[in-house]
N, C-alpha and C. Protein backbone atom coordinates (compact mmCIF):
# COMPACT_ATOMS: atom_id res chain seq x y z
N UNK A 1 -3.37 18.09 11.75
CA UNK A 1 -2.16 17.40 12.15
C UNK A 1 -1.99 17.59 13.65
N UNK A 2 -1.76 16.49 14.33
CA UNK A 2 -1.58 16.52 15.78
C UNK A 2 -0.16 16.08 16.10
N UNK A 3 0.56 16.92 16.83
CA UNK A 3 1.94 16.60 17.19
C UNK A 3 1.99 16.27 18.68
N UNK A 4 2.21 14.98 19.00
CA UNK A 4 2.38 14.57 20.39
C UNK A 4 3.82 14.15 20.66
N UNK A 5 4.71 14.49 19.74
CA UNK A 5 6.12 14.16 19.92
C UNK A 5 6.80 15.28 20.70
N UNK A 6 8.03 15.02 21.12
CA UNK A 6 8.82 16.01 21.85
C UNK A 6 9.43 17.04 20.91
N UNK A 7 9.44 16.75 19.62
CA UNK A 7 10.08 17.63 18.64
C UNK A 7 9.08 18.61 18.07
N UNK A 8 9.59 19.76 17.66
CA UNK A 8 8.76 20.74 16.98
C UNK A 8 8.58 20.32 15.52
N UNK A 9 7.41 20.58 14.98
CA UNK A 9 7.14 20.30 13.57
C UNK A 9 7.05 21.65 12.87
N UNK A 10 7.86 21.80 11.83
CA UNK A 10 7.91 23.08 11.12
C UNK A 10 6.61 23.34 10.35
N UNK A 11 6.43 24.58 9.93
CA UNK A 11 5.26 24.95 9.14
C UNK A 11 5.20 24.16 7.85
N UNK A 12 6.36 23.99 7.19
CA UNK A 12 6.40 23.23 5.94
C UNK A 12 6.04 21.76 6.18
N UNK A 13 6.55 21.19 7.27
CA UNK A 13 6.22 19.80 7.59
C UNK A 13 4.72 19.66 7.88
N UNK A 14 4.16 20.63 8.60
CA UNK A 14 2.73 20.63 8.87
C UNK A 14 1.94 20.71 7.57
N UNK A 15 2.38 21.58 6.65
CA UNK A 15 1.71 21.72 5.34
C UNK A 15 1.69 20.39 4.59
N UNK A 16 2.82 19.70 4.59
CA UNK A 16 2.90 18.41 3.89
C UNK A 16 2.01 17.38 4.56
N UNK A 17 2.04 17.32 5.88
CA UNK A 17 1.26 16.31 6.60
C UNK A 17 -0.24 16.57 6.52
N UNK A 18 -0.66 17.82 6.42
CA UNK A 18 -2.09 18.11 6.31
C UNK A 18 -2.64 17.70 4.95
N UNK A 19 -1.79 17.44 3.99
CA UNK A 19 -2.26 16.94 2.68
C UNK A 19 -2.78 15.51 2.81
N UNK A 20 -2.41 14.83 3.90
CA UNK A 20 -2.90 13.47 4.16
C UNK A 20 -1.86 12.42 3.79
N UNK A 21 -2.03 11.25 4.38
CA UNK A 21 -1.06 10.17 4.17
C UNK A 21 -1.21 9.49 2.82
N UNK A 22 -2.32 9.75 2.11
CA UNK A 22 -2.50 9.18 0.77
C UNK A 22 -2.05 10.14 -0.33
N UNK A 23 -1.56 11.31 0.05
CA UNK A 23 -1.11 12.29 -0.93
C UNK A 23 0.14 11.75 -1.63
N UNK A 24 0.14 11.82 -2.95
CA UNK A 24 1.28 11.33 -3.75
C UNK A 24 2.04 12.53 -4.30
N UNK A 25 3.31 12.59 -4.01
CA UNK A 25 4.18 13.65 -4.51
C UNK A 25 4.54 13.33 -5.95
N UNK A 26 4.38 14.32 -6.82
CA UNK A 26 4.73 14.14 -8.23
C UNK A 26 6.25 13.93 -8.33
N UNK A 27 6.69 12.96 -9.11
CA UNK A 27 8.13 12.71 -9.23
C UNK A 27 8.83 13.86 -9.95
N UNK A 28 10.10 14.07 -9.61
CA UNK A 28 10.87 15.14 -10.27
C UNK A 28 11.18 14.78 -11.71
N UNK A 29 11.49 13.51 -11.94
CA UNK A 29 11.87 13.04 -13.28
C UNK A 29 11.05 11.81 -13.64
N UNK A 30 10.89 11.61 -14.92
CA UNK A 30 10.22 10.39 -15.37
C UNK A 30 11.20 9.22 -15.27
N UNK A 31 10.72 8.05 -14.89
CA UNK A 31 11.60 6.88 -14.73
C UNK A 31 11.91 6.21 -16.08
N UNK A 32 12.65 6.90 -16.95
CA UNK A 32 12.94 6.39 -18.30
C UNK A 32 13.58 5.02 -18.27
N UNK A 33 14.60 4.86 -17.43
CA UNK A 33 15.32 3.58 -17.37
C UNK A 33 14.38 2.44 -17.01
N UNK A 34 13.52 2.66 -16.04
CA UNK A 34 12.57 1.62 -15.62
C UNK A 34 11.56 1.31 -16.72
N UNK A 35 11.08 2.34 -17.40
CA UNK A 35 10.11 2.14 -18.48
C UNK A 35 10.75 1.34 -19.62
N UNK A 36 11.98 1.70 -19.99
CA UNK A 36 12.67 1.00 -21.07
C UNK A 36 12.97 -0.44 -20.68
N UNK A 37 13.42 -0.65 -19.45
CA UNK A 37 13.70 -2.01 -18.96
C UNK A 37 12.45 -2.87 -18.99
N UNK A 38 11.34 -2.33 -18.50
CA UNK A 38 10.08 -3.09 -18.49
C UNK A 38 9.58 -3.35 -19.91
N UNK A 39 9.77 -2.38 -20.80
CA UNK A 39 9.36 -2.57 -22.20
C UNK A 39 10.18 -3.68 -22.84
N UNK A 40 11.48 -3.68 -22.61
CA UNK A 40 12.34 -4.73 -23.17
C UNK A 40 11.97 -6.10 -22.63
N UNK A 41 11.63 -6.15 -21.34
CA UNK A 41 11.20 -7.43 -20.77
C UNK A 41 9.92 -7.90 -21.44
N UNK A 42 8.95 -6.99 -21.60
CA UNK A 42 7.68 -7.34 -22.25
C UNK A 42 7.92 -7.79 -23.69
N UNK A 43 8.82 -7.10 -24.41
CA UNK A 43 9.12 -7.47 -25.79
C UNK A 43 9.77 -8.85 -25.87
N UNK A 44 10.60 -9.17 -24.90
CA UNK A 44 11.26 -10.49 -24.91
C UNK A 44 10.26 -11.62 -24.70
N UNK A 45 9.10 -11.32 -24.10
CA UNK A 45 8.07 -12.33 -23.87
C UNK A 45 7.16 -12.52 -25.08
N UNK A 46 7.20 -11.57 -26.02
CA UNK A 46 6.34 -11.67 -27.20
C UNK A 46 6.94 -12.63 -28.23
N UNK A 47 6.11 -13.45 -28.79
CA UNK A 47 6.55 -14.39 -29.83
C UNK A 47 6.72 -13.65 -31.15
N UNK A 48 5.77 -12.78 -31.45
CA UNK A 48 5.77 -12.02 -32.70
C UNK A 48 6.79 -10.88 -32.59
N UNK A 49 7.91 -11.01 -33.28
CA UNK A 49 8.98 -10.01 -33.20
C UNK A 49 8.57 -8.68 -33.83
N UNK A 50 7.66 -8.72 -34.79
CA UNK A 50 7.16 -7.47 -35.39
C UNK A 50 6.37 -6.67 -34.35
N UNK A 51 5.55 -7.37 -33.58
CA UNK A 51 4.78 -6.72 -32.52
C UNK A 51 5.72 -6.14 -31.46
N UNK A 52 6.79 -6.87 -31.18
CA UNK A 52 7.77 -6.40 -30.20
C UNK A 52 8.42 -5.10 -30.69
N UNK A 53 8.79 -5.06 -31.95
CA UNK A 53 9.40 -3.85 -32.51
C UNK A 53 8.41 -2.69 -32.55
N UNK A 54 7.16 -3.01 -32.84
CA UNK A 54 6.11 -1.99 -32.86
C UNK A 54 5.92 -1.40 -31.45
N UNK A 55 5.95 -2.26 -30.45
CA UNK A 55 5.84 -1.80 -29.06
C UNK A 55 7.01 -0.90 -28.70
N UNK A 56 8.22 -1.31 -29.06
CA UNK A 56 9.41 -0.49 -28.79
C UNK A 56 9.26 0.89 -29.43
N UNK A 57 8.84 0.91 -30.70
CA UNK A 57 8.68 2.18 -31.42
C UNK A 57 7.65 3.08 -30.75
N UNK A 58 6.54 2.50 -30.32
CA UNK A 58 5.49 3.27 -29.65
C UNK A 58 6.02 3.87 -28.35
N UNK A 59 6.74 3.08 -27.58
CA UNK A 59 7.28 3.56 -26.30
C UNK A 59 8.30 4.67 -26.54
N UNK A 60 9.17 4.50 -27.51
CA UNK A 60 10.16 5.53 -27.82
C UNK A 60 9.47 6.82 -28.24
N UNK A 61 8.45 6.72 -29.09
CA UNK A 61 7.71 7.90 -29.54
C UNK A 61 7.07 8.62 -28.35
N UNK A 62 6.48 7.87 -27.45
CA UNK A 62 5.83 8.45 -26.27
C UNK A 62 6.86 9.09 -25.35
N UNK A 63 7.97 8.40 -25.13
CA UNK A 63 9.00 8.93 -24.23
C UNK A 63 9.66 10.20 -24.78
N UNK A 64 9.78 10.30 -26.09
CA UNK A 64 10.37 11.50 -26.69
C UNK A 64 9.50 12.73 -26.41
N UNK A 65 8.19 12.54 -26.36
CA UNK A 65 7.27 13.66 -26.12
C UNK A 65 6.96 13.87 -24.64
N UNK A 66 7.34 12.94 -23.80
CA UNK A 66 6.97 13.00 -22.38
C UNK A 66 7.73 14.11 -21.66
N UNK A 67 7.05 14.74 -20.75
CA UNK A 67 7.65 15.78 -19.91
C UNK A 67 7.44 15.39 -18.46
N UNK A 68 8.37 15.84 -17.63
CA UNK A 68 8.23 15.58 -16.19
C UNK A 68 6.98 16.31 -15.70
N UNK A 69 6.25 15.70 -14.77
CA UNK A 69 5.05 16.36 -14.25
C UNK A 69 5.40 17.62 -13.46
N UNK A 70 4.45 18.53 -13.42
CA UNK A 70 4.64 19.76 -12.64
C UNK A 70 4.59 19.37 -11.17
N UNK A 71 5.49 19.91 -10.39
CA UNK A 71 5.55 19.58 -8.96
C UNK A 71 4.27 20.02 -8.27
N UNK A 72 3.78 19.16 -7.39
CA UNK A 72 2.57 19.49 -6.64
C UNK A 72 2.87 19.91 -5.20
N UNK A 73 4.18 20.07 -4.89
CA UNK A 73 4.59 20.64 -3.60
C UNK A 73 5.72 21.63 -3.85
N UNK A 74 5.88 22.54 -2.92
CA UNK A 74 6.93 23.56 -3.05
C UNK A 74 8.29 22.94 -2.71
N UNK A 75 9.34 23.67 -3.01
CA UNK A 75 10.70 23.21 -2.70
C UNK A 75 10.85 23.04 -1.19
N UNK A 76 10.32 24.00 -0.42
CA UNK A 76 10.39 23.91 1.05
C UNK A 76 9.65 22.68 1.58
N UNK A 77 8.49 22.37 0.97
CA UNK A 77 7.73 21.19 1.39
C UNK A 77 8.47 19.91 1.04
N UNK A 78 9.17 19.91 -0.09
CA UNK A 78 9.96 18.73 -0.49
C UNK A 78 11.09 18.50 0.51
N UNK A 79 11.75 19.57 0.93
CA UNK A 79 12.81 19.48 1.94
C UNK A 79 12.22 19.00 3.27
N UNK A 80 11.04 19.55 3.64
CA UNK A 80 10.37 19.15 4.87
C UNK A 80 10.02 17.67 4.85
N UNK A 81 9.57 17.18 3.72
CA UNK A 81 9.23 15.77 3.57
C UNK A 81 10.47 14.89 3.74
N UNK A 82 11.58 15.33 3.15
CA UNK A 82 12.85 14.59 3.31
C UNK A 82 13.27 14.56 4.78
N UNK A 83 13.10 15.68 5.49
CA UNK A 83 13.43 15.73 6.92
C UNK A 83 12.53 14.81 7.73
N UNK A 84 11.25 14.75 7.39
CA UNK A 84 10.33 13.85 8.09
C UNK A 84 10.73 12.39 7.90
N UNK A 85 11.19 12.06 6.70
CA UNK A 85 11.63 10.69 6.44
C UNK A 85 12.85 10.33 7.28
N UNK A 86 13.74 11.31 7.49
CA UNK A 86 14.98 11.05 8.22
C UNK A 86 14.80 10.95 9.72
N UNK A 87 13.80 11.67 10.29
CA UNK A 87 13.71 11.65 11.75
C UNK A 87 13.06 10.37 12.22
N UNK A 88 13.13 10.13 13.51
CA UNK A 88 12.74 8.84 14.08
C UNK A 88 11.31 8.84 14.64
N UNK A 89 10.49 9.79 14.20
CA UNK A 89 9.11 9.85 14.68
C UNK A 89 8.23 8.92 13.87
N UNK A 90 7.15 8.52 14.47
CA UNK A 90 6.13 7.70 13.81
C UNK A 90 5.05 8.66 13.33
N UNK A 91 4.64 8.52 12.09
CA UNK A 91 3.57 9.33 11.54
C UNK A 91 2.46 8.38 11.13
N UNK A 92 1.28 8.56 11.72
CA UNK A 92 0.20 7.64 11.45
C UNK A 92 -1.14 8.38 11.47
N UNK A 93 -2.16 7.78 10.84
CA UNK A 93 -3.47 8.41 10.88
C UNK A 93 -4.07 8.27 12.27
N UNK A 94 -4.83 9.27 12.69
CA UNK A 94 -5.50 9.18 13.97
C UNK A 94 -6.54 8.07 13.89
N UNK A 95 -6.77 7.39 14.99
CA UNK A 95 -7.66 6.23 15.01
C UNK A 95 -9.06 6.57 14.50
N UNK A 96 -9.67 7.59 15.02
CA UNK A 96 -11.02 7.97 14.60
C UNK A 96 -10.96 9.41 14.10
N UNK A 97 -10.86 9.58 12.83
CA UNK A 97 -10.80 10.92 12.29
C UNK A 97 -9.87 10.98 11.10
N UNK A 98 -9.68 12.18 10.59
CA UNK A 98 -8.88 12.34 9.40
C UNK A 98 -7.57 13.06 9.68
N UNK A 99 -7.20 13.18 10.93
CA UNK A 99 -5.97 13.88 11.30
C UNK A 99 -4.77 12.94 11.17
N UNK A 100 -3.61 13.55 11.02
CA UNK A 100 -2.35 12.81 11.00
C UNK A 100 -1.65 13.09 12.32
N UNK A 101 -1.12 12.06 12.95
CA UNK A 101 -0.48 12.20 14.25
C UNK A 101 1.02 11.96 14.12
N UNK A 102 1.81 12.84 14.74
CA UNK A 102 3.26 12.67 14.81
C UNK A 102 3.58 12.31 16.25
N UNK A 103 4.27 11.18 16.44
CA UNK A 103 4.54 10.68 17.78
C UNK A 103 5.97 10.16 17.84
N UNK A 104 6.61 10.31 19.00
CA UNK A 104 7.94 9.75 19.18
C UNK A 104 7.86 8.23 19.06
N UNK A 105 8.81 7.64 18.34
CA UNK A 105 8.79 6.20 18.10
C UNK A 105 8.83 5.42 19.42
N UNK A 106 9.65 5.89 20.35
CA UNK A 106 9.78 5.22 21.65
C UNK A 106 8.45 5.22 22.41
N UNK A 107 7.78 6.36 22.41
CA UNK A 107 6.48 6.49 23.08
C UNK A 107 5.44 5.58 22.42
N UNK A 108 5.46 5.53 21.09
CA UNK A 108 4.53 4.68 20.33
C UNK A 108 4.74 3.21 20.68
N UNK A 109 5.99 2.78 20.69
CA UNK A 109 6.29 1.38 20.99
C UNK A 109 5.88 1.02 22.42
N UNK A 110 6.07 1.96 23.38
CA UNK A 110 5.64 1.71 24.77
C UNK A 110 4.13 1.55 24.84
N UNK A 111 3.39 2.41 24.12
CA UNK A 111 1.93 2.32 24.14
C UNK A 111 1.45 1.00 23.54
N UNK A 112 2.04 0.61 22.41
CA UNK A 112 1.66 -0.65 21.77
C UNK A 112 1.96 -1.83 22.69
N UNK A 113 3.15 -1.83 23.28
CA UNK A 113 3.51 -2.94 24.18
C UNK A 113 2.60 -2.99 25.41
N UNK A 114 2.21 -1.82 25.93
CA UNK A 114 1.29 -1.78 27.08
C UNK A 114 -0.06 -2.37 26.68
N UNK A 115 -0.54 -2.05 25.48
CA UNK A 115 -1.81 -2.63 25.01
C UNK A 115 -1.71 -4.14 24.89
N UNK A 116 -0.59 -4.62 24.34
CA UNK A 116 -0.42 -6.06 24.13
C UNK A 116 -0.26 -6.82 25.45
N UNK A 117 0.14 -6.14 26.51
CA UNK A 117 0.30 -6.79 27.81
C UNK A 117 -1.04 -7.01 28.52
N UNK A 118 -2.10 -6.41 28.02
CA UNK A 118 -3.43 -6.54 28.61
C UNK A 118 -3.95 -7.96 28.37
N UNK A 119 -3.84 -8.80 29.38
CA UNK A 119 -4.22 -10.23 29.26
C UNK A 119 -5.73 -10.42 29.11
N UNK A 120 -6.51 -9.44 29.55
CA UNK A 120 -7.97 -9.55 29.42
C UNK A 120 -8.40 -9.37 27.97
N UNK A 121 -7.62 -8.62 27.18
CA UNK A 121 -7.98 -8.34 25.80
C UNK A 121 -7.24 -9.23 24.81
N UNK A 122 -5.96 -9.47 25.06
CA UNK A 122 -5.13 -10.23 24.12
C UNK A 122 -4.62 -11.52 24.75
N UNK A 123 -4.54 -12.55 23.92
CA UNK A 123 -4.02 -13.85 24.35
C UNK A 123 -2.88 -14.21 23.40
N UNK A 124 -1.76 -14.64 23.94
CA UNK A 124 -0.63 -15.03 23.11
C UNK A 124 -0.96 -16.34 22.40
N UNK A 125 -0.74 -16.37 21.10
CA UNK A 125 -1.03 -17.56 20.30
C UNK A 125 0.14 -18.54 20.39
N UNK A 126 -0.19 -19.82 20.44
CA UNK A 126 0.87 -20.83 20.46
C UNK A 126 1.35 -21.15 19.05
N UNK A 127 0.43 -20.95 18.06
CA UNK A 127 0.83 -21.16 16.67
C UNK A 127 -0.02 -20.25 15.77
N UNK A 128 0.41 -20.08 14.56
CA UNK A 128 -0.27 -19.23 13.58
C UNK A 128 -1.54 -19.92 13.10
N UNK A 129 -2.74 -19.33 13.33
CA UNK A 129 -3.99 -19.99 12.96
C UNK A 129 -4.42 -19.74 11.50
N UNK A 130 -3.63 -19.06 10.71
CA UNK A 130 -4.03 -18.68 9.36
C UNK A 130 -4.42 -19.88 8.51
N UNK A 131 -3.59 -20.92 8.49
CA UNK A 131 -3.87 -22.08 7.62
C UNK A 131 -5.16 -22.78 8.06
N UNK A 132 -5.42 -22.82 9.35
CA UNK A 132 -6.65 -23.46 9.86
C UNK A 132 -7.87 -22.72 9.31
N UNK A 133 -7.86 -21.40 9.39
CA UNK A 133 -9.00 -20.61 8.91
C UNK A 133 -9.09 -20.64 7.38
N UNK A 134 -7.96 -20.70 6.73
CA UNK A 134 -7.97 -20.80 5.27
C UNK A 134 -8.63 -22.11 4.85
N UNK A 135 -8.26 -23.20 5.50
CA UNK A 135 -8.85 -24.51 5.18
C UNK A 135 -10.35 -24.52 5.47
N UNK A 136 -10.77 -23.89 6.56
CA UNK A 136 -12.20 -23.82 6.87
C UNK A 136 -12.95 -23.07 5.77
N UNK A 137 -12.38 -21.97 5.33
CA UNK A 137 -13.01 -21.16 4.28
C UNK A 137 -13.08 -21.94 2.96
N UNK A 138 -12.03 -22.66 2.62
CA UNK A 138 -12.02 -23.47 1.40
C UNK A 138 -13.08 -24.57 1.49
N UNK A 139 -13.16 -25.24 2.63
CA UNK A 139 -14.15 -26.31 2.80
C UNK A 139 -15.58 -25.77 2.72
N UNK A 140 -15.81 -24.59 3.31
CA UNK A 140 -17.14 -23.97 3.23
C UNK A 140 -17.47 -23.64 1.78
N UNK A 141 -16.50 -23.13 1.07
CA UNK A 141 -16.70 -22.76 -0.32
C UNK A 141 -16.99 -24.00 -1.17
N UNK A 142 -16.27 -25.09 -0.92
CA UNK A 142 -16.51 -26.34 -1.64
C UNK A 142 -17.93 -26.84 -1.38
N UNK A 143 -18.35 -26.77 -0.12
CA UNK A 143 -19.67 -27.23 0.27
C UNK A 143 -20.74 -26.41 -0.43
N UNK A 144 -20.58 -25.10 -0.45
CA UNK A 144 -21.57 -24.22 -1.08
C UNK A 144 -21.65 -24.45 -2.58
N UNK A 145 -20.51 -24.68 -3.20
CA UNK A 145 -20.46 -24.84 -4.65
C UNK A 145 -20.65 -26.27 -5.12
N UNK A 146 -20.40 -27.22 -4.23
CA UNK A 146 -20.40 -28.61 -4.65
C UNK A 146 -19.23 -28.89 -5.58
N UNK A 147 -18.18 -28.08 -5.47
CA UNK A 147 -17.00 -28.22 -6.34
C UNK A 147 -15.83 -28.70 -5.51
N UNK A 148 -14.91 -29.35 -6.19
CA UNK A 148 -13.63 -29.71 -5.58
C UNK A 148 -12.59 -28.75 -6.12
N UNK A 149 -11.67 -28.34 -5.26
CA UNK A 149 -10.59 -27.45 -5.71
C UNK A 149 -9.27 -28.17 -5.52
N UNK A 150 -8.31 -27.76 -6.29
CA UNK A 150 -6.99 -28.37 -6.18
C UNK A 150 -5.99 -27.32 -5.74
N UNK A 151 -4.98 -27.75 -5.03
CA UNK A 151 -3.90 -26.85 -4.63
C UNK A 151 -4.32 -25.81 -3.61
N UNK A 152 -5.45 -26.02 -2.93
CA UNK A 152 -5.86 -25.09 -1.89
C UNK A 152 -6.42 -23.79 -2.42
N UNK A 153 -6.73 -23.71 -3.72
CA UNK A 153 -7.28 -22.47 -4.24
C UNK A 153 -8.77 -22.43 -3.98
N UNK A 154 -9.29 -21.25 -3.83
CA UNK A 154 -10.69 -21.06 -3.49
C UNK A 154 -11.47 -20.69 -4.74
N UNK A 155 -12.51 -21.46 -5.12
CA UNK A 155 -13.29 -21.08 -6.30
C UNK A 155 -14.05 -19.79 -6.02
N UNK A 156 -14.15 -18.92 -7.01
CA UNK A 156 -14.80 -17.64 -6.81
C UNK A 156 -16.30 -17.79 -6.67
N UNK A 157 -16.86 -18.88 -7.14
CA UNK A 157 -18.30 -19.09 -7.04
C UNK A 157 -18.78 -19.04 -5.60
N UNK A 158 -18.02 -19.58 -4.68
CA UNK A 158 -18.40 -19.55 -3.26
C UNK A 158 -18.45 -18.14 -2.74
N UNK A 159 -17.52 -17.32 -3.17
CA UNK A 159 -17.51 -15.93 -2.73
C UNK A 159 -18.69 -15.18 -3.32
N UNK A 160 -19.05 -15.51 -4.57
CA UNK A 160 -20.23 -14.89 -5.18
C UNK A 160 -21.49 -15.30 -4.44
N UNK A 161 -21.54 -16.55 -3.99
CA UNK A 161 -22.68 -17.04 -3.23
C UNK A 161 -22.81 -16.28 -1.92
N UNK A 162 -21.70 -16.04 -1.25
CA UNK A 162 -21.71 -15.28 0.00
C UNK A 162 -22.22 -13.87 -0.26
N UNK A 163 -21.76 -13.25 -1.34
CA UNK A 163 -22.18 -11.89 -1.67
C UNK A 163 -23.69 -11.86 -1.94
N UNK A 164 -24.21 -12.85 -2.68
CA UNK A 164 -25.65 -12.91 -2.96
C UNK A 164 -26.44 -13.10 -1.66
N UNK A 165 -25.97 -13.96 -0.78
CA UNK A 165 -26.66 -14.23 0.47
C UNK A 165 -26.69 -12.97 1.34
N UNK A 166 -25.61 -12.21 1.35
CA UNK A 166 -25.57 -10.97 2.14
C UNK A 166 -26.53 -9.94 1.59
N UNK A 167 -26.66 -9.89 0.24
CA UNK A 167 -27.57 -8.93 -0.37
C UNK A 167 -29.03 -9.23 -0.01
N UNK A 168 -29.37 -10.53 0.11
CA UNK A 168 -30.74 -10.93 0.44
C UNK A 168 -31.11 -10.53 1.85
N UNK A 169 -30.13 -10.56 2.76
CA UNK A 169 -30.42 -10.27 4.19
C UNK A 169 -30.42 -8.84 4.48
């Protein structure tokens, strides 16, 4: 963990950040309400009401036996994580490496804006080119497959052809 901010980072905050940005904190409680709501929605979509009732029964049986997961961080680390969320620092992965960087938001925004002001590297776009490139990709895919697509969707066969061509080279 690299701290380039003006603020001190506590030992607990350092411990949490060294776990990495992909580390998932185990929830304190199971989301019973969300599970039940989603189950009811799924049951309402089923035509077979017997299957819907069977699904409800299975979910209830599972939820009755379910226990909250064991915490994978200490109480101090949980508090440290909450403090990190509240402060105004930017936390991001280092560009080349596996370190996590803590930086003042203001300093980060200045660096990004300075990079974007470099006219030799970046050019301001007059319009969003996404649709132009999407259409080019769709047309290439149609050409490769000899297929017509509707609604701007891309047939997967063209992508498979690209993958096969890359494997040959």
